[in-house]
């Protein structure tokens, strides 16, 4: 099974940006955690991060025929990007949305997710562990 793990804007700043919300782990540590979790689950992952909406859309579209599922943390684009929603719908792959923090307990605008409309589940508030949970959900569905 091949899973594309897609991370949106500012996740490259993990460990620096608001560590009281997102934790002290770095993006490199997150990538390592995802790789180890995938290996333990017997899946292959390809990890991508961009601060640019169009790059994220392109990468989602390129998953068609190249991956079996998607784990996506759209970050700030969660609340604004119909383009990411449409890309997820277009490829039609099972997807799980992930957030490091518990977005439902934060500002009101963070409770709106366009991407979730194309996802089989949303995992939030588990820190790095949310990525493993998302992969577990996908492996149980496929």
N, C-alpha and C. Protein backbone atom coordinates (compact mmCIF):
# COMPACT_ATOMS: atom_id res chain seq x y z
N UNK A 1 0.85 -1.18 0.00
CA UNK A 1 0.00 0.00 0.00
C UNK A 1 0.89 1.24 0.00
N UNK A 2 0.53 2.20 -0.84
CA UNK A 2 1.29 3.46 -0.92
C UNK A 2 0.41 4.61 -0.46
N UNK A 3 0.94 5.38 0.49
CA UNK A 3 0.22 6.53 1.03
C UNK A 3 1.04 7.79 0.80
N UNK A 4 0.39 8.80 0.27
CA UNK A 4 1.02 10.12 0.17
C UNK A 4 0.64 10.90 1.41
N UNK A 5 1.65 11.42 2.10
CA UNK A 5 1.44 12.26 3.28
C UNK A 5 1.76 13.69 2.86
N UNK A 6 0.76 14.54 2.93
CA UNK A 6 0.87 15.90 2.41
C UNK A 6 0.68 16.90 3.55
N UNK A 7 1.66 17.78 3.68
CA UNK A 7 1.64 18.79 4.75
C UNK A 7 1.65 20.19 4.16
N UNK A 8 0.77 21.03 4.69
CA UNK A 8 0.61 22.38 4.19
C UNK A 8 1.51 23.41 4.87
N UNK A 9 1.11 24.67 4.74
CA UNK A 9 1.96 25.79 5.12
C UNK A 9 2.33 25.81 6.61
N UNK A 10 3.55 26.22 6.82
CA UNK A 10 4.14 26.46 8.14
C UNK A 10 4.51 25.21 8.92
N UNK A 11 4.17 24.03 8.39
CA UNK A 11 4.58 22.83 9.10
C UNK A 11 6.09 22.66 9.07
N UNK A 12 6.75 23.25 8.10
CA UNK A 12 8.21 23.25 8.07
C UNK A 12 8.80 24.02 9.25
N UNK A 13 7.98 24.77 9.95
CA UNK A 13 8.42 25.56 11.11
C UNK A 13 8.13 24.87 12.44
N UNK A 14 7.77 23.60 12.40
CA UNK A 14 7.50 22.87 13.65
C UNK A 14 8.71 22.95 14.58
N UNK A 15 8.42 23.06 15.86
CA UNK A 15 9.47 23.20 16.87
C UNK A 15 9.81 24.65 17.15
N UNK A 16 9.49 25.51 16.19
CA UNK A 16 9.76 26.95 16.33
C UNK A 16 8.45 27.70 16.51
N UNK A 17 7.49 27.40 15.67
CA UNK A 17 6.21 28.11 15.64
C UNK A 17 5.29 27.61 16.76
N UNK A 18 4.94 28.48 17.67
CA UNK A 18 3.99 28.20 18.74
C UNK A 18 4.13 26.79 19.31
N UNK A 19 5.26 26.48 19.92
CA UNK A 19 5.47 25.12 20.43
C UNK A 19 4.46 24.72 21.51
N UNK A 20 3.87 25.70 22.17
CA UNK A 20 2.85 25.38 23.18
C UNK A 20 1.59 24.79 22.54
N UNK A 21 1.40 25.03 21.25
CA UNK A 21 0.26 24.48 20.52
C UNK A 21 0.67 23.26 19.70
N UNK A 22 1.79 23.38 18.98
CA UNK A 22 2.17 22.36 18.01
C UNK A 22 3.27 21.42 18.50
N UNK A 23 3.81 21.68 19.67
CA UNK A 23 4.86 20.84 20.23
C UNK A 23 6.25 21.31 19.86
N UNK A 24 7.25 20.66 20.43
CA UNK A 24 8.64 21.05 20.22
C UNK A 24 9.35 20.20 19.17
N UNK A 25 8.68 19.17 18.69
CA UNK A 25 9.27 18.34 17.66
C UNK A 25 9.42 19.10 16.35
N UNK A 26 10.50 18.84 15.66
CA UNK A 26 10.79 19.52 14.39
C UNK A 26 10.11 18.81 13.22
N UNK A 27 10.14 19.44 12.07
CA UNK A 27 9.57 18.80 10.88
C UNK A 27 10.37 17.55 10.51
N UNK A 28 11.68 17.61 10.66
CA UNK A 28 12.50 16.43 10.38
C UNK A 28 12.12 15.28 11.31
N UNK A 29 11.83 15.59 12.56
CA UNK A 29 11.40 14.55 13.51
C UNK A 29 10.03 14.00 13.12
N UNK A 30 9.14 14.87 12.63
CA UNK A 30 7.84 14.40 12.16
C UNK A 30 8.01 13.45 10.98
N UNK A 31 8.85 13.82 10.02
CA UNK A 31 9.10 12.94 8.87
C UNK A 31 9.62 11.58 9.31
N UNK A 32 10.55 11.58 10.26
CA UNK A 32 11.11 10.33 10.77
C UNK A 32 10.02 9.50 11.46
N UNK A 33 9.18 10.15 12.24
CA UNK A 33 8.09 9.47 12.93
C UNK A 33 7.14 8.82 11.91
N UNK A 34 6.80 9.57 10.87
CA UNK A 34 5.89 9.05 9.84
C UNK A 34 6.52 7.84 9.16
N UNK A 35 7.80 7.93 8.79
CA UNK A 35 8.49 6.81 8.13
C UNK A 35 8.49 5.56 9.02
N UNK A 36 8.81 5.75 10.30
CA UNK A 36 8.85 4.60 11.22
C UNK A 36 7.46 4.01 11.43
N UNK A 37 6.46 4.86 11.54
CA UNK A 37 5.08 4.38 11.72
C UNK A 37 4.62 3.61 10.49
N UNK A 38 4.94 4.13 9.31
CA UNK A 38 4.57 3.46 8.07
C UNK A 38 5.23 2.09 7.97
N UNK A 39 6.51 2.02 8.31
CA UNK A 39 7.23 0.75 8.27
C UNK A 39 6.58 -0.26 9.21
N UNK A 40 6.20 0.20 10.40
CA UNK A 40 5.56 -0.69 11.36
C UNK A 40 4.21 -1.20 10.87
N UNK A 41 3.54 -0.38 10.06
CA UNK A 41 2.24 -0.77 9.51
C UNK A 41 2.37 -1.51 8.18
N UNK A 42 3.59 -1.60 7.65
CA UNK A 42 3.82 -2.29 6.39
C UNK A 42 3.35 -1.51 5.17
N UNK A 43 3.38 -0.19 5.26
CA UNK A 43 2.99 0.64 4.12
C UNK A 43 4.16 1.51 3.67
N UNK A 44 4.09 1.91 2.42
CA UNK A 44 5.10 2.80 1.85
C UNK A 44 4.54 4.21 1.88
N UNK A 45 5.36 5.17 2.31
CA UNK A 45 4.90 6.56 2.32
C UNK A 45 5.83 7.44 1.51
N UNK A 46 5.22 8.47 0.98
CA UNK A 46 5.94 9.54 0.30
C UNK A 46 5.46 10.81 0.99
N UNK A 47 6.40 11.60 1.52
CA UNK A 47 6.05 12.78 2.31
C UNK A 47 6.37 14.05 1.53
N UNK A 48 5.44 14.99 1.57
CA UNK A 48 5.59 16.24 0.84
C UNK A 48 5.09 17.39 1.71
N UNK A 49 5.79 18.52 1.66
CA UNK A 49 5.36 19.73 2.37
C UNK A 49 5.55 20.93 1.47
N UNK A 50 4.57 21.82 1.49
CA UNK A 50 4.70 23.07 0.75
C UNK A 50 3.91 24.16 1.44
N UNK A 51 4.40 25.38 1.27
CA UNK A 51 3.69 26.56 1.75
C UNK A 51 2.81 27.16 0.66
N UNK A 52 2.77 26.50 -0.51
CA UNK A 52 2.08 27.04 -1.67
C UNK A 52 0.89 26.16 -2.06
N UNK A 53 -0.27 26.77 -2.12
CA UNK A 53 -1.50 26.04 -2.38
C UNK A 53 -1.45 25.27 -3.71
N UNK A 54 -0.98 25.91 -4.77
CA UNK A 54 -0.92 25.26 -6.07
C UNK A 54 -0.03 24.03 -6.07
N UNK A 55 1.08 24.09 -5.34
CA UNK A 55 1.97 22.92 -5.24
C UNK A 55 1.26 21.76 -4.55
N UNK A 56 0.47 22.08 -3.52
CA UNK A 56 -0.29 21.04 -2.82
C UNK A 56 -1.33 20.42 -3.74
N UNK A 57 -2.02 21.26 -4.51
CA UNK A 57 -3.01 20.77 -5.47
C UNK A 57 -2.34 19.87 -6.51
N UNK A 58 -1.22 20.32 -7.04
CA UNK A 58 -0.49 19.51 -8.03
C UNK A 58 -0.10 18.15 -7.45
N UNK A 59 0.38 18.14 -6.22
CA UNK A 59 0.84 16.89 -5.60
C UNK A 59 -0.34 15.95 -5.34
N UNK A 60 -1.47 16.50 -4.95
CA UNK A 60 -2.67 15.67 -4.78
C UNK A 60 -3.05 15.07 -6.12
N UNK A 61 -3.09 15.87 -7.17
CA UNK A 61 -3.46 15.37 -8.50
C UNK A 61 -2.50 14.29 -8.97
N UNK A 62 -1.22 14.45 -8.68
CA UNK A 62 -0.21 13.47 -9.10
C UNK A 62 -0.33 12.15 -8.35
N UNK A 63 -1.13 12.12 -7.29
CA UNK A 63 -1.33 10.88 -6.54
C UNK A 63 -2.17 9.88 -7.33
N UNK A 64 -2.96 10.38 -8.27
CA UNK A 64 -3.81 9.51 -9.07
C UNK A 64 -2.95 8.52 -9.85
N UNK A 65 -3.12 7.24 -9.59
CA UNK A 65 -2.34 6.21 -10.25
C UNK A 65 -0.98 5.95 -9.61
N UNK A 66 -0.60 6.79 -8.63
CA UNK A 66 0.71 6.64 -7.98
C UNK A 66 0.59 6.27 -6.50
N UNK A 67 -0.60 6.41 -5.94
CA UNK A 67 -0.81 6.12 -4.51
C UNK A 67 -2.17 5.48 -4.32
N UNK A 68 -2.31 4.83 -3.16
CA UNK A 68 -3.58 4.19 -2.82
C UNK A 68 -4.43 5.05 -1.90
N UNK A 69 -3.79 6.00 -1.21
CA UNK A 69 -4.50 6.82 -0.23
C UNK A 69 -3.68 8.06 0.08
N UNK A 70 -4.34 8.99 0.77
CA UNK A 70 -3.70 10.26 1.13
C UNK A 70 -3.95 10.56 2.60
N UNK A 71 -2.90 11.00 3.28
CA UNK A 71 -3.01 11.62 4.60
C UNK A 71 -2.65 13.08 4.36
N UNK A 72 -3.53 13.99 4.77
CA UNK A 72 -3.29 15.40 4.49
C UNK A 72 -3.49 16.26 5.73
N UNK A 73 -2.50 17.10 5.98
CA UNK A 73 -2.63 18.17 6.97
C UNK A 73 -2.58 19.46 6.16
N UNK A 74 -3.74 19.98 5.78
CA UNK A 74 -3.75 21.17 4.95
C UNK A 74 -3.34 22.43 5.70
N UNK A 75 -3.18 22.31 7.02
CA UNK A 75 -2.79 23.45 7.87
C UNK A 75 -3.76 24.60 7.63
N UNK A 76 -3.27 25.80 7.44
CA UNK A 76 -4.14 26.97 7.30
C UNK A 76 -5.08 26.86 6.10
N UNK A 77 -4.69 26.08 5.08
CA UNK A 77 -5.57 25.92 3.91
C UNK A 77 -6.81 25.09 4.24
N UNK A 78 -6.82 24.44 5.38
CA UNK A 78 -7.99 23.69 5.83
C UNK A 78 -9.24 24.56 5.76
N UNK A 79 -9.08 25.80 6.19
CA UNK A 79 -10.20 26.71 6.41
C UNK A 79 -10.49 27.62 5.23
N UNK A 80 -9.68 27.50 4.16
CA UNK A 80 -9.83 28.45 3.07
C UNK A 80 -9.81 27.84 1.67
N UNK A 81 -9.33 26.63 1.51
CA UNK A 81 -9.02 26.15 0.17
C UNK A 81 -10.07 25.21 -0.43
N UNK A 82 -10.87 25.76 -1.29
CA UNK A 82 -11.77 24.95 -2.08
C UNK A 82 -10.95 24.19 -3.13
N UNK A 83 -9.82 24.75 -3.56
CA UNK A 83 -8.97 24.10 -4.55
C UNK A 83 -8.44 22.77 -4.03
N UNK A 84 -8.03 22.72 -2.77
CA UNK A 84 -7.55 21.46 -2.19
C UNK A 84 -8.72 20.47 -2.07
N UNK A 85 -9.87 20.93 -1.64
CA UNK A 85 -11.06 20.08 -1.59
C UNK A 85 -11.34 19.49 -2.96
N UNK A 86 -11.36 20.34 -3.98
CA UNK A 86 -11.67 19.87 -5.32
C UNK A 86 -10.63 18.87 -5.84
N UNK A 87 -9.35 19.09 -5.52
CA UNK A 87 -8.31 18.16 -5.93
C UNK A 87 -8.51 16.80 -5.26
N UNK A 88 -8.83 16.80 -3.97
CA UNK A 88 -9.08 15.55 -3.27
C UNK A 88 -10.28 14.82 -3.88
N UNK A 89 -11.32 15.56 -4.19
CA UNK A 89 -12.50 14.96 -4.81
C UNK A 89 -12.16 14.42 -6.21
N UNK A 90 -11.36 15.15 -6.95
CA UNK A 90 -11.02 14.76 -8.32
C UNK A 90 -10.27 13.43 -8.36
N UNK A 91 -9.30 13.24 -7.46
CA UNK A 91 -8.53 11.99 -7.50
C UNK A 91 -9.31 10.82 -6.91
N UNK A 92 -10.24 11.12 -6.01
CA UNK A 92 -11.12 10.09 -5.47
C UNK A 92 -10.45 9.03 -4.62
N UNK A 93 -9.26 9.32 -4.11
CA UNK A 93 -8.57 8.36 -3.24
C UNK A 93 -9.05 8.52 -1.81
N UNK A 94 -9.08 7.43 -1.04
CA UNK A 94 -9.41 7.58 0.37
C UNK A 94 -8.39 8.52 1.04
N UNK A 95 -8.90 9.45 1.82
CA UNK A 95 -8.03 10.43 2.47
C UNK A 95 -8.46 10.63 3.91
N UNK A 96 -7.47 10.93 4.75
CA UNK A 96 -7.72 11.29 6.15
C UNK A 96 -7.04 12.63 6.40
N UNK A 97 -7.79 13.54 6.97
CA UNK A 97 -7.26 14.86 7.34
C UNK A 97 -6.68 14.76 8.75
N UNK A 98 -5.50 15.36 8.93
CA UNK A 98 -4.80 15.32 10.22
C UNK A 98 -4.48 16.74 10.67
N UNK A 99 -4.58 16.96 11.98
CA UNK A 99 -4.12 18.21 12.61
C UNK A 99 -3.40 17.86 13.90
N UNK A 100 -2.27 18.49 14.12
CA UNK A 100 -1.50 18.24 15.34
C UNK A 100 -2.27 18.69 16.58
N UNK A 101 -2.91 19.85 16.47
CA UNK A 101 -3.65 20.40 17.62
C UNK A 101 -5.12 20.03 17.52
N UNK A 102 -5.83 20.25 18.61
CA UNK A 102 -7.27 20.02 18.63
C UNK A 102 -7.95 21.27 18.09
N UNK A 103 -8.18 21.29 16.79
CA UNK A 103 -8.71 22.49 16.14
C UNK A 103 -10.10 22.85 16.65
N UNK A 104 -10.85 21.89 17.14
CA UNK A 104 -12.20 22.18 17.65
C UNK A 104 -12.19 22.98 18.95
N UNK A 105 -11.07 23.00 19.64
CA UNK A 105 -10.98 23.76 20.89
C UNK A 105 -10.27 25.10 20.72
N UNK A 106 -9.98 25.45 19.48
CA UNK A 106 -9.27 26.70 19.19
C UNK A 106 -10.23 27.76 18.64
N UNK A 107 -9.71 28.70 17.91
CA UNK A 107 -10.54 29.79 17.39
C UNK A 107 -11.67 29.24 16.52
N UNK A 108 -12.78 29.97 16.49
CA UNK A 108 -13.95 29.52 15.73
C UNK A 108 -13.64 29.23 14.27
N UNK A 109 -12.82 30.07 13.62
CA UNK A 109 -12.56 29.88 12.20
C UNK A 109 -11.83 28.57 11.93
N UNK A 110 -11.11 28.04 12.92
CA UNK A 110 -10.38 26.79 12.72
C UNK A 110 -11.30 25.57 12.75
N UNK A 111 -12.54 25.76 13.12
CA UNK A 111 -13.49 24.65 13.19
C UNK A 111 -14.11 24.33 11.84
N UNK A 112 -13.84 25.17 10.84
CA UNK A 112 -14.36 24.96 9.49
C UNK A 112 -13.29 24.28 8.65
N UNK A 113 -13.63 23.15 8.07
CA UNK A 113 -12.68 22.43 7.23
C UNK A 113 -13.32 22.09 5.89
N UNK A 114 -12.78 22.66 4.84
CA UNK A 114 -13.22 22.29 3.50
C UNK A 114 -12.69 20.91 3.13
N UNK A 115 -11.43 20.65 3.43
CA UNK A 115 -10.81 19.38 3.06
C UNK A 115 -11.56 18.18 3.63
N UNK A 116 -12.11 18.32 4.82
CA UNK A 116 -12.78 17.20 5.47
C UNK A 116 -13.96 16.68 4.65
N UNK A 117 -14.51 17.52 3.78
CA UNK A 117 -15.64 17.10 2.96
C UNK A 117 -15.27 16.01 1.96
N UNK A 118 -13.96 15.82 1.74
CA UNK A 118 -13.49 14.77 0.82
C UNK A 118 -12.71 13.69 1.56
N UNK A 119 -12.81 13.67 2.88
CA UNK A 119 -12.03 12.72 3.68
C UNK A 119 -12.94 11.71 4.37
N UNK A 120 -12.39 10.52 4.61
CA UNK A 120 -13.14 9.47 5.31
C UNK A 120 -13.10 9.67 6.82
N UNK A 121 -12.13 10.48 7.30
CA UNK A 121 -12.01 10.74 8.73
C UNK A 121 -11.15 11.98 8.94
N UNK A 122 -11.28 12.55 10.14
CA UNK A 122 -10.42 13.64 10.59
C UNK A 122 -9.83 13.23 11.93
N UNK A 123 -8.50 13.38 12.05
CA UNK A 123 -7.80 13.06 13.29
C UNK A 123 -7.14 14.35 13.77
N UNK A 124 -7.48 14.79 14.97
CA UNK A 124 -6.94 16.05 15.48
C UNK A 124 -6.59 15.93 16.95
N UNK A 125 -5.55 16.67 17.34
CA UNK A 125 -5.19 16.76 18.74
C UNK A 125 -4.29 15.67 19.26
N UNK A 126 -3.76 14.81 18.38
CA UNK A 126 -2.90 13.71 18.83
C UNK A 126 -1.43 13.98 18.56
N UNK A 127 -1.09 15.21 18.16
CA UNK A 127 0.30 15.50 17.83
C UNK A 127 0.78 14.63 16.69
N UNK A 128 2.05 14.23 16.74
CA UNK A 128 2.61 13.36 15.69
C UNK A 128 1.80 12.07 15.56
N UNK A 129 1.26 11.58 16.68
CA UNK A 129 0.50 10.34 16.69
C UNK A 129 -0.70 10.34 15.76
N UNK A 130 -1.19 11.53 15.41
CA UNK A 130 -2.32 11.63 14.50
C UNK A 130 -2.01 11.06 13.13
N UNK A 131 -0.75 11.16 12.71
CA UNK A 131 -0.37 10.63 11.41
C UNK A 131 -0.43 9.10 11.41
N UNK A 132 0.03 8.49 12.49
CA UNK A 132 -0.06 7.02 12.58
C UNK A 132 -1.52 6.59 12.61
N UNK A 133 -2.33 7.30 13.41
CA UNK A 133 -3.76 6.97 13.49
C UNK A 133 -4.40 7.07 12.11
N UNK A 134 -4.06 8.11 11.35
CA UNK A 134 -4.61 8.27 10.00
C UNK A 134 -4.22 7.10 9.11
N UNK A 135 -2.96 6.69 9.18
CA UNK A 135 -2.52 5.54 8.37
C UNK A 135 -3.22 4.26 8.80
N UNK A 136 -3.46 4.10 10.10
CA UNK A 136 -4.18 2.93 10.59
C UNK A 136 -5.61 2.91 10.04
N UNK A 137 -6.25 4.07 10.03
CA UNK A 137 -7.61 4.17 9.49
C UNK A 137 -7.61 3.76 8.02
N UNK A 138 -6.64 4.27 7.27
CA UNK A 138 -6.60 3.97 5.84
C UNK A 138 -6.28 2.50 5.57
N UNK A 139 -5.37 1.91 6.34
CA UNK A 139 -5.04 0.50 6.11
C UNK A 139 -6.23 -0.39 6.45
N UNK A 140 -7.06 0.02 7.39
CA UNK A 140 -8.23 -0.79 7.74
C UNK A 140 -9.35 -0.64 6.70
N UNK A 141 -9.33 0.44 5.92
CA UNK A 141 -10.37 0.67 4.92
C UNK A 141 -10.02 0.12 3.55
N UNK A 142 -8.73 -0.11 3.32
CA UNK A 142 -8.30 -0.55 1.97
C UNK A 142 -7.85 -2.00 2.04
